[in-house]
Amino acid sequence: MTEKKKLERARGRTAWILVFVMFILTISSWVYALNPSFSTIIQPGTNISGYSYIIFTDGTSIFARNGNTGAIDYSGTTFSTVTQNAINAIGGVGSIFFAKQINPQPGHTVTFFGQNVPYDYRPLSTVNVPYGVSLFSNAAVFDVSGINSTVFVINSIASTTTNGFAETVSNFNVIGSLSNSNTTFIYILRTNRGIFVDTIITNFVSNPIVIVGEAYDSVIANSNFNQGVTAISGSKGAYTTGPNDLNIVNTAIQVFTTGITISDAYGVSAVNIYCEAVFLCVNGVDTISSSFIGPSIINAVGIKNPRIVSGNVFENAVTGISSILITDANNPISVTGNVWRLASGNSSAIVFGIVYNGLATISGNTVTLSNTAGSSFVKVWGGSSITRTVITGNLIYSGNPQIDLPNESDYLVVSMNNFASSANISIKYHSYYSNFVGNTFTDANYAFWQINGGSVFISDSFSRNIGTFVYTEAGSVPTQTDNN
């Protein structure tokens, strides 16, 4: 056989081998797509498995691939329609995975801090999610600038028990618009139990997460809610009503009117609310509203109408604003074991902005204030006053006055506090039937400045470098003192 014929025969065998290999690969791909034991290939280099449906896009159309059969059950150009069809088809407990594009299509971008960022999905209407269907992604970018309502609504159930997390929403990257004041990314309806919201990054979304009523055993974790430089008016980073055993951990909530709102609703009390490693930086008046919180580092403003505030660090308060603002007349509160670092401006730690009758206990806190007039540890503001309040065991550096009670505040117990280095006045008060017992005063012009009142008793106090221990304004009943 000539060399030429041998070469031709070899080339023929090679061609048949290539045909055979292509045939095997084709058959394998069919089996791969139909066999539920195989992963689903969305795009080259992407393997996703273990979900009821995988939502993916080629930049123009949206596809819903069945995670069991491998078939594309739904497709179209409208995100909400394709996703809703897939969710409805689950018919019970299941999961949806939203795949990020490997090669984003040009022209599909959303403006983000002046840059054009490629997006994967653009919801324009609400998707309803039955309880038990979890939502996952691999940090797909959602452009929600075109929807001024809710993107995902997770509906309620009637169950009263749960083991672990029954539902998860995880790993989404969401970009909205500062011109939309009503955009909510996740809205969880009442009586949901075991919700785990994890690694959600939102920018320019007015209300990233809303939980309405009895969100038992739920967690918001590892997330970042941000509005850039200016807060959308009325925006809320995490808004909850009536949650029970809600944990907010390792989460940054920045530049909102209200960072976290936790309140009672539907006849259900908000209880066992725990915040840990939560960074809050808020432009508005409130940071956390009606909450049990601790331990956290609270920047900017602070907390409105809390029940229990324990183990937190408050720092960098906005000048002229309080860390804790009380406007609920009858809400009993406990403020214990916190640290304040408000060493500049005239910001105050705790301000009562109402006639308060609700049994407050303020104890064991360490406070550093500025000596600017108006900077106080406890202050009543405007025409407000307090009664039945105990202030005990606190260490207070600076402030002017350190406790400021210019309006009639009665039945107070102020005991075992250390008032140090006030520029002018340690305690300024207008009071009847109150006791100031066992306090220590150092380095102030006045330990006590009595505006008006009577039947006030001061005893067992220690003072050093005090100009005048008790100053009584004309017309008031002199304070009774003993062993000063």
Foldseek 3Di string as FASTA:
>chain_A
DDPVVVVVVVVVVVVVVVVVVVVVVVVVVQCQQAALVHFADPDPPDTHADFQWEWFDPQAKIWTAGSRGNHGPDMGRAPQVRVQVSQVVVVAATEYEYEADPDADPPQFDADPNDTHHATEEHQDAHEHEQRYEYYYQAGEYEDQNHLAEHYEYEADDDDDDDAASYEYERYEYEYALVRQHYEHYEYEEHAERYEYYAYEYENGQEDYEYEYAHYQYEHEHYEYYHPDAARPPGEDYEYEQYEQYEYELYEFEAYQEHYEYYYDPPHGHDNYEYYAYEYYYDHQYHYEAEAYDDYEYEEAAYEQYAEAAHYEYEPYDAPHENYEYDDAAREHEYAHYEYDAADHQYEHYEYAAAHEHAYEYEHYEYEHHLPANYEHYEYDDQYEEENYEAEHYEYEEDHAHHYGQHEYEHYEYEHYEYEAYAEEDHEHAYEHYEYEHYEEERYQEDYEYAAYDNYEYENYYYYNYNYDYHYDPPHDDYHYYHD
